[in-house]
Amino acid sequence: MPKTRRCRYPNCHAMVTFPDHYCQQHYEHEAEYLASRQRWARGNDKQYTHKYNTVTRYRNEDKRQQYNFYRTRQWSHLRQQVLERDHYLCAYCKVQGVIKPAKTVDHVRPLELFYNDGASIENLSVICGSCHTLKTKWEQRYYGSGKGNTPTGNKPVDDIRTINRMMRS
C-alpha cells in the first residue's frame, strides 16, 4: 500500500500519495509550495552558511581576528557583565533622558581601530538598534572605520554624552 498524507490546502481533508503535497482539486499550489521549500532549504543550508562564515566573511585578516574575539568565552562574560551593569538600558538614549531597553553591547571606541581596548569593560556600553545604526555611521565618518574607508587618525572620544551629541548633529 502506498504512503499517503493529507492535502496541505487549509481545511481540505483529501488524502494524497507521496511525493505529492496537494490533492487533484488543489494541485495548482504544488509548484508554489515546492519553490518555497527550495528557498527555505537554500537559506538554511549548512554548507552555504559554513562557506559564508569561513570564506566570505573572513577574507580580511583584520576582520577575522575581530570576529574571532566575539566568539570567545571572555566576550560572552564581558557582554553579560555590561548588560547587568547598565540594567539592559541603552546608554545613548539614557543621556537624552529616554529609557529604552536594549540587548546589544557596543564598543565606545571601535574594535576595528582600537583592538587593544576590546576586552576593557570601560570601553563597552549597552546600545539600542536605532542608536547603534547612528553610531556606526558616525564612526565611519569620524574614525574612517568600515569597509573601503581609510582611518582618519582622529583622537578617540570616550564620553558617551559627547558621542551622542556628535552622532545626532
N, C-alpha and C. Protein backbone atom coordinates (compact mmCIF):
# COMPACT_ATOMS: atom_id res chain seq x y z
N MET A 1 0.84 -1.18 0.00
CA MET A 1 0.00 0.00 0.00
C MET A 1 0.89 1.25 0.00
N PRO A 2 0.60 2.24 -0.88
CA PRO A 2 1.44 3.44 -0.96
C PRO A 2 1.25 4.33 0.26
N LYS A 3 2.31 5.11 0.57
CA LYS A 3 2.24 6.06 1.68
C LYS A 3 1.33 7.22 1.29
N THR A 4 0.52 7.66 2.23
CA THR A 4 -0.39 8.77 1.98
C THR A 4 -0.27 9.81 3.08
N ARG A 5 -0.78 11.00 2.77
CA ARG A 5 -0.86 12.08 3.75
C ARG A 5 -2.00 13.00 3.34
N ARG A 6 -2.35 13.91 4.25
CA ARG A 6 -3.44 14.85 3.96
C ARG A 6 -2.97 15.95 3.03
N CYS A 7 -3.90 16.47 2.25
CA CYS A 7 -3.64 17.60 1.38
C CYS A 7 -3.24 18.80 2.24
N ARG A 8 -2.25 19.58 1.80
CA ARG A 8 -1.76 20.72 2.57
C ARG A 8 -2.67 21.93 2.48
N TYR A 9 -3.65 21.93 1.58
CA TYR A 9 -4.55 23.07 1.45
C TYR A 9 -5.40 23.19 2.71
N PRO A 10 -5.57 24.41 3.26
CA PRO A 10 -6.34 24.57 4.50
C PRO A 10 -7.75 24.00 4.40
N ASN A 11 -8.13 23.24 5.42
CA ASN A 11 -9.45 22.63 5.56
C ASN A 11 -9.79 21.61 4.48
N CYS A 12 -8.80 21.12 3.77
CA CYS A 12 -9.03 20.05 2.80
C CYS A 12 -8.56 18.75 3.45
N HIS A 13 -9.43 17.77 3.53
CA HIS A 13 -9.09 16.52 4.22
C HIS A 13 -8.85 15.37 3.25
N ALA A 14 -8.67 15.69 1.98
CA ALA A 14 -8.42 14.64 0.99
C ALA A 14 -7.04 14.05 1.21
N MET A 15 -6.90 12.77 0.89
CA MET A 15 -5.62 12.08 1.05
C MET A 15 -4.89 12.08 -0.29
N VAL A 16 -3.57 12.30 -0.22
CA VAL A 16 -2.73 12.27 -1.43
C VAL A 16 -1.61 11.28 -1.21
N THR A 17 -1.09 10.74 -2.29
CA THR A 17 0.01 9.78 -2.19
C THR A 17 1.34 10.52 -2.30
N PHE A 18 2.34 9.97 -1.64
CA PHE A 18 3.68 10.53 -1.72
C PHE A 18 4.15 10.48 -3.16
N PRO A 19 4.92 11.39 -3.66
CA PRO A 19 5.55 12.54 -3.03
C PRO A 19 4.71 13.82 -3.14
N ASP A 20 3.46 13.74 -3.60
CA ASP A 20 2.63 14.93 -3.76
C ASP A 20 2.24 15.51 -2.40
N HIS A 21 1.93 16.84 -2.41
CA HIS A 21 1.52 17.54 -1.20
C HIS A 21 0.08 18.02 -1.28
N TYR A 22 -0.48 18.09 -2.48
CA TYR A 22 -1.83 18.60 -2.69
C TYR A 22 -2.66 17.59 -3.48
N CYS A 23 -3.98 17.59 -3.25
CA CYS A 23 -4.89 16.70 -3.96
C CYS A 23 -5.12 17.22 -5.39
N GLN A 24 -5.87 16.48 -6.19
CA GLN A 24 -6.13 16.87 -7.57
C GLN A 24 -6.86 18.21 -7.65
N GLN A 25 -7.72 18.49 -6.70
CA GLN A 25 -8.50 19.73 -6.70
C GLN A 25 -7.61 20.95 -6.45
N HIS A 26 -6.55 20.79 -5.65
CA HIS A 26 -5.68 21.92 -5.28
C HIS A 26 -4.27 21.76 -5.84
N TYR A 27 -4.10 20.98 -6.88
CA TYR A 27 -2.76 20.66 -7.39
C TYR A 27 -2.02 21.89 -7.92
N GLU A 28 -2.74 22.98 -8.27
CA GLU A 28 -2.07 24.17 -8.80
C GLU A 28 -1.16 24.82 -7.75
N HIS A 29 -1.33 24.49 -6.48
CA HIS A 29 -0.49 25.05 -5.41
C HIS A 29 0.81 24.26 -5.20
N GLU A 30 0.93 23.12 -5.85
CA GLU A 30 2.10 22.24 -5.66
C GLU A 30 3.41 22.94 -6.05
N ALA A 31 3.45 23.55 -7.23
CA ALA A 31 4.69 24.19 -7.71
C ALA A 31 5.11 25.34 -6.78
N GLU A 32 4.14 26.11 -6.34
CA GLU A 32 4.42 27.23 -5.43
C GLU A 32 4.99 26.71 -4.10
N TYR A 33 4.43 25.64 -3.59
CA TYR A 33 4.89 25.06 -2.33
C TYR A 33 6.32 24.52 -2.47
N LEU A 34 6.58 23.81 -3.56
CA LEU A 34 7.93 23.27 -3.77
C LEU A 34 8.96 24.38 -3.91
N ALA A 35 8.58 25.47 -4.59
CA ALA A 35 9.50 26.61 -4.73
C ALA A 35 9.80 27.24 -3.37
N SER A 36 8.78 27.37 -2.52
CA SER A 36 9.02 27.95 -1.20
C SER A 36 9.90 27.04 -0.36
N ARG A 37 9.74 25.73 -0.51
CA ARG A 37 10.61 24.80 0.24
C ARG A 37 12.05 24.90 -0.23
N GLN A 38 12.25 25.09 -1.53
CA GLN A 38 13.62 25.23 -2.04
C GLN A 38 14.26 26.52 -1.53
N ARG A 39 13.48 27.61 -1.50
CA ARG A 39 14.01 28.87 -0.96
C ARG A 39 14.39 28.70 0.51
N TRP A 40 13.56 28.02 1.27
CA TRP A 40 13.85 27.80 2.67
C TRP A 40 15.12 26.95 2.83
N ALA A 41 15.22 25.88 2.04
CA ALA A 41 16.38 24.99 2.14
C ALA A 41 17.66 25.73 1.78
N ARG A 42 17.59 26.62 0.79
CA ARG A 42 18.76 27.37 0.39
C ARG A 42 19.21 28.30 1.51
N GLY A 43 18.27 28.90 2.19
CA GLY A 43 18.60 29.81 3.29
C GLY A 43 19.09 29.10 4.53
N ASN A 44 18.73 27.85 4.70
CA ASN A 44 19.12 27.10 5.88
C ASN A 44 20.13 26.00 5.56
N ASP A 45 20.82 26.17 4.46
CA ASP A 45 21.79 25.17 4.05
C ASP A 45 23.08 25.33 4.86
N LYS A 46 23.49 24.28 5.52
CA LYS A 46 24.68 24.35 6.37
C LYS A 46 25.95 24.58 5.56
N GLN A 47 26.01 24.04 4.35
CA GLN A 47 27.19 24.26 3.52
C GLN A 47 27.30 25.73 3.13
N TYR A 48 26.17 26.35 2.78
CA TYR A 48 26.17 27.76 2.42
C TYR A 48 26.59 28.60 3.62
N THR A 49 26.02 28.33 4.78
CA THR A 49 26.34 29.07 5.99
C THR A 49 27.81 28.90 6.34
N HIS A 50 28.30 27.66 6.23
CA HIS A 50 29.70 27.39 6.52
C HIS A 50 30.60 28.19 5.58
N LYS A 51 30.25 28.21 4.28
CA LYS A 51 31.05 28.95 3.31
C LYS A 51 31.04 30.43 3.64
N TYR A 52 29.88 30.98 4.00
CA TYR A 52 29.80 32.39 4.34
C TYR A 52 30.67 32.70 5.55
N ASN A 53 30.60 31.88 6.58
CA ASN A 53 31.33 32.15 7.81
C ASN A 53 32.83 31.95 7.66
N THR A 54 33.27 31.01 6.82
CA THR A 54 34.69 30.73 6.75
C THR A 54 35.40 31.38 5.58
N VAL A 55 34.69 31.67 4.50
CA VAL A 55 35.35 32.22 3.32
C VAL A 55 34.98 33.68 3.11
N THR A 56 33.71 33.94 2.90
CA THR A 56 33.28 35.29 2.55
C THR A 56 33.50 36.27 3.68
N ARG A 57 33.12 35.91 4.87
CA ARG A 57 33.16 36.84 5.99
C ARG A 57 34.58 37.10 6.48
N TYR A 58 35.48 36.17 6.30
CA TYR A 58 36.82 36.28 6.87
C TYR A 58 37.91 36.53 5.84
N ARG A 59 37.59 37.18 4.74
CA ARG A 59 38.61 37.43 3.73
C ARG A 59 39.68 38.37 4.24
N ASN A 60 39.28 39.39 4.98
CA ASN A 60 40.21 40.36 5.52
C ASN A 60 40.78 39.80 6.83
N GLU A 61 42.09 39.75 6.92
CA GLU A 61 42.73 39.16 8.10
C GLU A 61 42.42 39.93 9.38
N ASP A 62 42.30 41.26 9.30
CA ASP A 62 41.96 42.06 10.47
C ASP A 62 40.57 41.73 10.98
N LYS A 63 39.64 41.58 10.06
CA LYS A 63 38.26 41.26 10.43
C LYS A 63 38.18 39.86 11.04
N ARG A 64 38.98 38.94 10.55
CA ARG A 64 38.97 37.58 11.08
C ARG A 64 39.30 37.60 12.57
N GLN A 65 40.30 38.37 12.94
CA GLN A 65 40.70 38.48 14.35
C GLN A 65 39.56 39.11 15.15
N GLN A 66 38.91 40.12 14.58
CA GLN A 66 37.81 40.80 15.25
C GLN A 66 36.63 39.84 15.46
N TYR A 67 36.23 39.10 14.44
CA TYR A 67 35.11 38.17 14.56
C TYR A 67 35.42 37.03 15.52
N ASN A 68 36.67 36.59 15.53
CA ASN A 68 37.04 35.52 16.46
C ASN A 68 36.94 35.98 17.91
N PHE A 69 37.21 37.26 18.16
CA PHE A 69 37.08 37.79 19.52
C PHE A 69 35.64 37.64 20.02
N TYR A 70 34.67 37.89 19.14
CA TYR A 70 33.28 37.81 19.54
C TYR A 70 32.80 36.39 19.80
N ARG A 71 33.63 35.40 19.49
CA ARG A 71 33.27 34.01 19.76
C ARG A 71 33.92 33.46 21.03
N THR A 72 34.67 34.28 21.71
CA THR A 72 35.38 33.80 22.90
C THR A 72 34.48 33.82 24.12
N ARG A 73 34.86 33.03 25.10
CA ARG A 73 34.15 33.00 26.37
C ARG A 73 34.35 34.33 27.11
N GLN A 74 35.52 34.92 26.92
CA GLN A 74 35.81 36.21 27.55
C GLN A 74 34.78 37.26 27.10
N TRP A 75 34.46 37.30 25.78
CA TRP A 75 33.49 38.27 25.28
C TRP A 75 32.10 38.00 25.86
N SER A 76 31.69 36.75 25.93
CA SER A 76 30.34 36.46 26.43
C SER A 76 30.22 36.87 27.91
N HIS A 77 31.28 36.69 28.68
CA HIS A 77 31.24 37.11 30.08
C HIS A 77 31.23 38.64 30.21
N LEU A 78 32.08 39.29 29.41
CA LEU A 78 32.11 40.76 29.43
C LEU A 78 30.75 41.33 29.03
N ARG A 79 30.17 40.76 27.99
CA ARG A 79 28.88 41.23 27.49
C ARG A 79 27.82 41.13 28.59
N GLN A 80 27.80 39.99 29.27
CA GLN A 80 26.81 39.80 30.33
C GLN A 80 27.03 40.78 31.48
N GLN A 81 28.28 41.02 31.84
CA GLN A 81 28.58 41.98 32.90
C GLN A 81 28.10 43.38 32.55
N VAL A 82 28.31 43.79 31.30
CA VAL A 82 27.90 45.13 30.87
C VAL A 82 26.38 45.24 30.84
N LEU A 83 25.70 44.20 30.35
CA LEU A 83 24.24 44.23 30.32
C LEU A 83 23.67 44.37 31.72
N GLU A 84 24.23 43.64 32.67
CA GLU A 84 23.76 43.73 34.05
C GLU A 84 24.14 45.06 34.69
N ARG A 85 25.33 45.56 34.38
CA ARG A 85 25.78 46.85 34.92
C ARG A 85 24.85 47.98 34.48
N ASP A 86 24.45 47.97 33.20
CA ASP A 86 23.61 49.03 32.64
C ASP A 86 22.12 48.69 32.69
N HIS A 87 21.77 47.59 33.33
CA HIS A 87 20.38 47.18 33.52
C HIS A 87 19.61 47.03 32.21
N TYR A 88 20.30 46.58 31.16
CA TYR A 88 19.67 46.34 29.85
C TYR A 88 19.02 47.61 29.28
N LEU A 89 19.58 48.77 29.57
CA LEU A 89 19.06 50.05 29.08
C LEU A 89 20.09 50.72 28.19
N CYS A 90 19.64 51.31 27.08
CA CYS A 90 20.53 51.98 26.13
C CYS A 90 21.17 53.19 26.79
N ALA A 91 22.50 53.22 26.80
CA ALA A 91 23.23 54.32 27.43
C ALA A 91 23.09 55.61 26.64
N TYR A 92 22.96 55.52 25.31
CA TYR A 92 22.87 56.70 24.46
C TYR A 92 21.49 57.36 24.58
N CYS A 93 20.45 56.55 24.73
CA CYS A 93 19.11 57.10 24.95
C CYS A 93 19.01 57.69 26.36
N LYS A 94 19.67 57.04 27.33
CA LYS A 94 19.62 57.49 28.71
C LYS A 94 20.22 58.89 28.86
N VAL A 95 21.25 59.19 28.05
CA VAL A 95 21.86 60.52 28.06
C VAL A 95 20.85 61.57 27.64
N GLN A 96 19.92 61.22 26.76
CA GLN A 96 18.89 62.15 26.30
C GLN A 96 17.69 62.19 27.23
N GLY A 97 17.70 61.35 28.25
CA GLY A 97 16.59 61.31 29.18
C GLY A 97 15.50 60.33 28.78
N VAL A 98 15.80 59.44 27.86
CA VAL A 98 14.84 58.44 27.39
C VAL A 98 15.27 57.08 27.94
N ILE A 99 14.32 56.32 28.47
CA ILE A 99 14.60 54.98 28.97
C ILE A 99 14.16 54.00 27.89
N LYS A 100 15.14 53.28 27.31
CA LYS A 100 14.83 52.36 26.22
C LYS A 100 15.59 51.05 26.46
N PRO A 101 14.88 49.91 26.47
CA PRO A 101 15.57 48.63 26.67
C PRO A 101 16.43 48.26 25.47
N ALA A 102 17.53 47.57 25.73
CA ALA A 102 18.44 47.16 24.66
C ALA A 102 19.19 45.91 25.09
N LYS A 103 19.65 45.14 24.11
CA LYS A 103 20.41 43.93 24.40
C LYS A 103 21.76 43.88 23.68
N THR A 104 22.08 44.92 22.92
CA THR A 104 23.33 44.94 22.17
C THR A 104 24.40 45.62 23.01
N VAL A 105 25.58 45.02 23.05
CA VAL A 105 26.73 45.63 23.73
C VAL A 105 27.68 46.12 22.66
N ASP A 106 28.06 47.39 22.76
CA ASP A 106 28.87 48.03 21.72
C ASP A 106 30.15 48.59 22.33
N HIS A 107 31.20 48.63 21.51
CA HIS A 107 32.44 49.26 21.93
C HIS A 107 32.32 50.76 21.73
N VAL A 108 32.65 51.55 22.74
CA VAL A 108 32.61 53.00 22.63
C VAL A 108 33.64 53.44 21.59
N ARG A 109 34.86 52.97 21.71
CA ARG A 109 35.87 53.15 20.68
C ARG A 109 35.83 51.89 19.82
N PRO A 110 35.72 52.01 18.49
CA PRO A 110 35.51 50.84 17.64
C PRO A 110 36.64 49.82 17.75
N LEU A 111 36.27 48.57 17.85
CA LEU A 111 37.21 47.47 17.98
C LEU A 111 38.12 47.38 16.76
N GLU A 112 37.60 47.75 15.61
CA GLU A 112 38.36 47.66 14.37
C GLU A 112 39.63 48.51 14.41
N LEU A 113 39.55 49.68 15.05
CA LEU A 113 40.70 50.59 15.09
C LEU A 113 41.45 50.56 16.42
N PHE A 114 40.76 50.21 17.49
CA PHE A 114 41.38 50.19 18.82
C PHE A 114 41.25 48.78 19.39
N TYR A 115 41.95 47.84 18.77
CA TYR A 115 41.78 46.43 19.13
C TYR A 115 42.23 46.14 20.56
N ASN A 116 43.21 46.87 21.06
CA ASN A 116 43.71 46.62 22.41
C ASN A 116 42.69 46.96 23.49
N ASP A 117 41.69 47.80 23.15
CA ASP A 117 40.65 48.17 24.10
C ASP A 117 39.45 47.24 24.03
N GLY A 118 39.54 46.18 23.26
CA GLY A 118 38.40 45.29 23.03
C GLY A 118 37.90 44.60 24.28
N ALA A 119 38.79 44.22 25.17
CA ALA A 119 38.40 43.47 26.37
C ALA A 119 38.25 44.38 27.59
N SER A 120 38.26 45.68 27.40
CA SER A 120 38.13 46.61 28.51
C SER A 120 36.66 46.90 28.78
N ILE A 121 36.23 46.66 29.99
CA ILE A 121 34.81 46.86 30.34
C ILE A 121 34.44 48.34 30.32
N GLU A 122 35.41 49.24 30.49
CA GLU A 122 35.14 50.67 30.43
C GLU A 122 34.84 51.12 29.00
N ASN A 123 35.26 50.33 28.02
CA ASN A 123 35.05 50.66 26.61
C ASN A 123 33.74 50.07 26.07
N LEU A 124 32.92 49.47 26.93
CA LEU A 124 31.69 48.83 26.49
C LEU A 124 30.46 49.54 27.04
N SER A 125 29.40 49.57 26.24
CA SER A 125 28.13 50.14 26.69
C SER A 125 26.99 49.42 25.99
N VAL A 126 25.81 49.47 26.61
CA VAL A 126 24.62 48.87 26.03
C VAL A 126 24.01 49.90 25.08
N ILE A 127 23.53 49.42 23.92
CA ILE A 127 23.02 50.33 22.90
C ILE A 127 21.83 49.69 22.20
N CYS A 128 20.83 50.51 21.86
CA CYS A 128 19.65 50.00 21.14
C CYS A 128 19.95 49.99 19.63
N GLY A 129 19.07 49.41 18.87
CA GLY A 129 19.28 49.27 17.44
C GLY A 129 19.37 50.59 16.69
N SER A 130 18.48 51.53 16.98
CA SER A 130 18.49 52.81 16.26
C SER A 130 19.75 53.62 16.60
N CYS A 131 20.14 53.63 17.86
CA CYS A 131 21.38 54.34 18.25
C CYS A 131 22.61 53.65 17.65
N HIS A 132 22.57 52.33 17.56
CA HIS A 132 23.70 51.60 17.00
C HIS A 132 23.90 51.95 15.53
N THR A 133 22.81 52.09 14.80
CA THR A 133 22.90 52.48 13.39
C THR A 133 23.50 53.87 13.27
N LEU A 134 23.01 54.82 14.07
CA LEU A 134 23.55 56.18 14.05
C LEU A 134 25.03 56.20 14.43
N LYS A 135 25.38 55.44 15.45
CA LYS A 135 26.77 55.43 15.92
C LYS A 135 27.70 54.81 14.89
N THR A 136 27.26 53.76 14.22
CA THR A 136 28.08 53.13 13.19
C THR A 136 28.35 54.12 12.05
N LYS A 137 27.33 54.84 11.61
CA LYS A 137 27.52 55.84 10.55
C LYS A 137 28.46 56.95 11.01
N TRP A 138 28.31 57.37 12.28
CA TRP A 138 29.19 58.40 12.82
C TRP A 138 30.64 57.90 12.87
N GLU A 139 30.84 56.65 13.31
CA GLU A 139 32.18 56.08 13.37
C GLU A 139 32.82 56.03 11.99
N GLN A 140 32.03 55.71 10.98
CA GLN A 140 32.57 55.65 9.63
C GLN A 140 33.02 57.03 9.16
N ARG A 141 32.29 58.08 9.54
CA ARG A 141 32.68 59.44 9.17
C ARG A 141 33.86 59.93 10.02
N TYR A 142 33.76 59.74 11.33
CA TYR A 142 34.74 60.33 12.25
C TYR A 142 36.06 59.56 12.27
N TYR A 143 35.99 58.25 12.43
CA TYR A 143 37.20 57.43 12.54
C TYR A 143 37.67 56.87 11.20
N GLY A 144 36.76 56.79 10.23
CA GLY A 144 37.12 56.17 8.95
C GLY A 144 37.08 54.66 9.05
N SER A 145 36.24 54.12 9.93
CA SER A 145 36.13 52.67 10.06
C SER A 145 35.16 52.14 9.01
N GLY A 146 35.13 50.84 8.86
CA GLY A 146 34.21 50.21 7.91
C GLY A 146 34.90 49.84 6.62
N LYS A 147 34.18 49.09 5.82
CA LYS A 147 34.72 48.57 4.57
C LYS A 147 34.99 49.70 3.57
N GLY A 148 36.18 49.71 3.02
CA GLY A 148 36.53 50.68 2.00
C GLY A 148 36.95 52.04 2.51
N ASN A 149 36.86 52.29 3.80
CA ASN A 149 37.26 53.58 4.36
C ASN A 149 38.70 53.53 4.83
N THR A 150 39.33 54.68 4.86
CA THR A 150 40.68 54.76 5.40
C THR A 150 40.62 55.49 6.73
N PRO A 151 41.38 55.03 7.71
CA PRO A 151 41.36 55.69 9.03
C PRO A 151 41.74 57.16 8.94
N THR A 152 40.99 57.99 9.66
CA THR A 152 41.21 59.43 9.61
C THR A 152 42.27 59.90 10.59
N GLY A 153 42.55 59.10 11.61
CA GLY A 153 43.55 59.48 12.60
C GLY A 153 43.02 60.41 13.67
N ASN A 154 41.72 60.63 13.73
CA ASN A 154 41.13 61.47 14.78
C ASN A 154 41.36 60.82 16.14
N LYS A 155 41.48 61.66 17.16
CA LYS A 155 41.69 61.10 18.50
C LYS A 155 40.39 60.47 19.00
N PRO A 156 40.51 59.42 19.82
CA PRO A 156 39.31 58.71 20.28
C PRO A 156 38.47 59.55 21.24
N VAL A 157 37.16 59.39 21.12
CA VAL A 157 36.22 60.06 22.00
C VAL A 157 35.65 58.99 22.92
N ASP A 158 35.78 59.19 24.25
CA ASP A 158 35.35 58.18 25.21
C ASP A 158 34.05 58.52 25.92
N ASP A 159 33.64 59.76 25.85
CA ASP A 159 32.45 60.20 26.60
C ASP A 159 31.20 59.93 25.78
N ILE A 160 30.27 59.17 26.34
CA ILE A 160 29.04 58.80 25.65
C ILE A 160 28.20 60.05 25.35
N ARG A 161 28.20 61.00 26.25
CA ARG A 161 27.43 62.24 26.04
C ARG A 161 27.95 62.99 24.81
N THR A 162 29.26 63.06 24.67
CA THR A 162 29.87 63.75 23.52
C THR A 162 29.60 62.99 22.23
N ILE A 163 29.75 61.68 22.28
CA ILE A 163 29.49 60.86 21.09
C ILE A 163 28.03 61.02 20.67
N ASN A 164 27.12 60.99 21.63
CA ASN A 164 25.70 61.12 21.34
C ASN A 164 25.42 62.46 20.65
N ARG A 165 26.02 63.55 21.15
CA ARG A 165 25.82 64.87 20.55
C ARG A 165 26.38 64.91 19.13
N MET A 166 27.58 64.31 18.94
CA MET A 166 28.22 64.35 17.62
C MET A 166 27.48 63.47 16.61
N MET A 167 26.98 62.34 17.03
CA MET A 167 26.33 61.45 16.07
C MET A 167 24.93 61.94 15.70
N ARG A 168 24.32 62.78 16.50
CA ARG A 168 22.99 63.29 16.19
C ARG A 168 23.03 64.64 15.50
N SER A 169 24.22 65.23 15.33
CA SER A 169 24.31 66.52 14.64
C SER A 169 24.66 66.34 13.17
